[in-house]
Amino acid sequence: MPRFHFDIQENGRLIADDEGREFAGGEEVRKEAVATGASIARDAFMAGSACRIVVDVREENAPFLKVSITLDVEEPAKA
């Protein structure tokens, strides 16, 4: 089975996945990437430690897919 690595970027800071995980197919990898990004984004956004999370998935050393989650809060101007 192919090995996929999920490298995480929080506001540009890279957390490399040197170990990776084996997956049977691309749909499983996609679901895991979205779930991973959502989980990290929720924690980082609530803590205020990041406003952008990117999960770069690579199959060995080749790019496979990228999930990007951005928090953009707009508040109306106070009168």
C-alpha atoms as a PDB file:
ATOM      1  CA  MET A   1       0.000   0.000   0.000  1.00  0.00           C
ATOM      2  CA  PRO A   2       1.187   3.529  -0.726  1.00  0.00           C
ATOM      3  CA  ARG A   3       2.388   5.709   2.159  1.00  0.00           C
ATOM      4  CA  PHE A   4       1.010   9.236   2.482  1.00  0.00           C
ATOM      5  CA  HIS A   5       2.459  12.090   4.524  1.00  0.00           C
ATOM      6  CA  PHE A   6       0.303  14.869   5.999  1.00  0.00           C
ATOM      7  CA  ASP A   7       2.444  18.000   6.393  1.00  0.00           C
ATOM      8  CA  ILE A   8       0.694  20.737   8.375  1.00  0.00           C
ATOM      9  CA  GLN A   9       1.173  24.492   8.038  1.00  0.00           C
ATOM     10  CA  GLU A  10      -0.190  26.830  10.707  1.00  0.00           C
ATOM     11  CA  ASN A  11       0.149  30.473   9.620  1.00  0.00           C
ATOM     12  CA  GLY A  12       3.157  29.438   7.515  1.00  0.00           C
ATOM     13  CA  ARG A  13       4.884  27.351  10.222  1.00  0.00           C
ATOM     14  CA  LEU A  14       5.592  23.854   8.855  1.00  0.00           C
ATOM     15  CA  ILE A  15       5.058  20.679  10.870  1.00  0.00           C
ATOM     16  CA  ALA A  16       6.446  17.900   8.665  1.00  0.00           C
ATOM     17  CA  ASP A  17       5.058  14.372   8.779  1.00  0.00           C
ATOM     18  CA  ASP A  18       8.189  12.257   8.439  1.00  0.00           C
ATOM     19  CA  GLU A  19       6.470   8.965   9.298  1.00  0.00           C
ATOM     20  CA  GLY A  20       3.318   8.968   7.147  1.00  0.00           C
ATOM     21  CA  ARG A  21       0.535   6.397   7.006  1.00  0.00           C
ATOM     22  CA  GLU A  22      -0.531   3.744   4.539  1.00  0.00           C
ATOM     23  CA  PHE A  23      -3.886   4.058   2.784  1.00  0.00           C
ATOM     24  CA  ALA A  24      -5.529   1.788   0.234  1.00  0.00           C
ATOM     25  CA  GLY A  25      -7.064   4.533  -1.885  1.00  0.00           C
ATOM     26  CA  GLY A  26      -7.275   8.220  -2.660  1.00  0.00           C
ATOM     27  CA  GLU A  27     -10.778   8.720  -1.230  1.00  0.00           C
ATOM     28  CA  GLU A  28      -9.586   7.537   2.198  1.00  0.00           C
ATOM     29  CA  VAL A  29      -6.646   9.938   1.988  1.00  0.00           C
ATOM     30  CA  ARG A  30      -8.947  12.824   1.046  1.00  0.00           C
ATOM     31  CA  LYS A  31     -11.297  12.149   3.970  1.00  0.00           C
ATOM     32  CA  GLU A  32      -8.385  11.913   6.408  1.00  0.00           C
ATOM     33  CA  ALA A  33      -6.870  15.162   5.108  1.00  0.00           C
ATOM     34  CA  VAL A  34     -10.164  17.042   5.519  1.00  0.00           C
ATOM     35  CA  ALA A  35     -10.766  15.576   8.996  1.00  0.00           C
ATOM     36  CA  THR A  36      -7.211  16.377  10.081  1.00  0.00           C
ATOM     37  CA  GLY A  37      -7.424  19.945   8.790  1.00  0.00           C
ATOM     38  CA  ALA A  38     -10.823  20.542  10.385  1.00  0.00           C
ATOM     39  CA  SER A  39      -9.686  19.214  13.759  1.00  0.00           C
ATOM     40  CA  ILE A  40      -6.495  21.269  13.816  1.00  0.00           C
ATOM     41  CA  ALA A  41      -8.287  24.364  12.503  1.00  0.00           C
ATOM     42  CA  ARG A  42     -10.983  24.166  15.165  1.00  0.00           C
ATOM     43  CA  ASP A  43      -8.435  24.021  17.982  1.00  0.00           C
ATOM     44  CA  ALA A  44      -6.143  26.690  16.492  1.00  0.00           C
ATOM     45  CA  PHE A  45      -8.985  29.057  15.595  1.00  0.00           C
ATOM     46  CA  MET A  46     -10.602  28.798  19.029  1.00  0.00           C
ATOM     47  CA  ALA A  47      -7.246  29.364  20.751  1.00  0.00           C
ATOM     48  CA  GLY A  48      -6.471  32.279  18.441  1.00  0.00           C
ATOM     49  CA  SER A  49      -3.108  30.754  17.548  1.00  0.00           C
ATOM     50  CA  ALA A  50      -3.714  30.604  13.781  1.00  0.00           C
ATOM     51  CA  CYS A  51      -6.049  31.907  11.097  1.00  0.00           C
ATOM     52  CA  ARG A  52      -4.923  29.592   8.283  1.00  0.00           C
ATOM     53  CA  ILE A  53      -4.322  25.850   8.300  1.00  0.00           C
ATOM     54  CA  VAL A  54      -3.004  23.901   5.308  1.00  0.00           C
ATOM     55  CA  VAL A  55      -2.685  20.139   5.081  1.00  0.00           C
ATOM     56  CA  ASP A  56      -0.269  19.236   2.276  1.00  0.00           C
ATOM     57  CA  VAL A  57      -0.574  15.558   1.474  1.00  0.00           C
ATOM     58  CA  ARG A  58       2.199  13.851  -0.418  1.00  0.00           C
ATOM     59  CA  GLU A  59       2.571  10.290  -1.619  1.00  0.00           C
ATOM     60  CA  GLU A  60       6.171   9.582  -0.704  1.00  0.00           C
ATOM     61  CA  ASN A  61       7.757  12.765  -2.181  1.00  0.00           C
ATOM     62  CA  ALA A  62       5.160  13.609  -4.829  1.00  0.00           C
ATOM     63  CA  PRO A  63       2.343  16.116  -4.107  1.00  0.00           C
ATOM     64  CA  PHE A  64      -1.046  14.390  -3.841  1.00  0.00           C
ATOM     65  CA  LEU A  65      -3.554  16.991  -2.580  1.00  0.00           C
ATOM     66  CA  LYS A  66      -3.849  20.114  -0.446  1.00  0.00           C
ATOM     67  CA  VAL A  67      -6.571  21.127   2.018  1.00  0.00           C
ATOM     68  CA  SER A  68      -6.606  24.789   3.024  1.00  0.00           C
ATOM     69  CA  ILE A  69      -8.843  26.183   5.784  1.00  0.00           C
ATOM     70  CA  THR A  70      -8.919  29.915   6.517  1.00  0.00           C
ATOM     71  CA  LEU A  71     -10.690  31.837   9.249  1.00  0.00           C
ATOM     72  CA  ASP A  72     -11.918  35.261   8.222  1.00  0.00           C
ATOM     73  CA  VAL A  73     -13.942  37.159  10.837  1.00  0.00           C
ATOM     74  CA  GLU A  74     -15.641  40.394   9.822  1.00  0.00           C
ATOM     75  CA  GLU A  75     -17.281  42.586  12.431  1.00  0.00           C
ATOM     76  CA  PRO A  76     -19.405  45.591  11.523  1.00  0.00           C
ATOM     77  CA  ALA A  77     -17.999  48.998  12.390  1.00  0.00           C
ATOM     78  CA  LYS A  78     -19.301  50.374  15.670  1.00  0.00           C
ATOM     79  CA  ALA A  79     -21.219  53.606  15.399  1.00  0.00           C
END
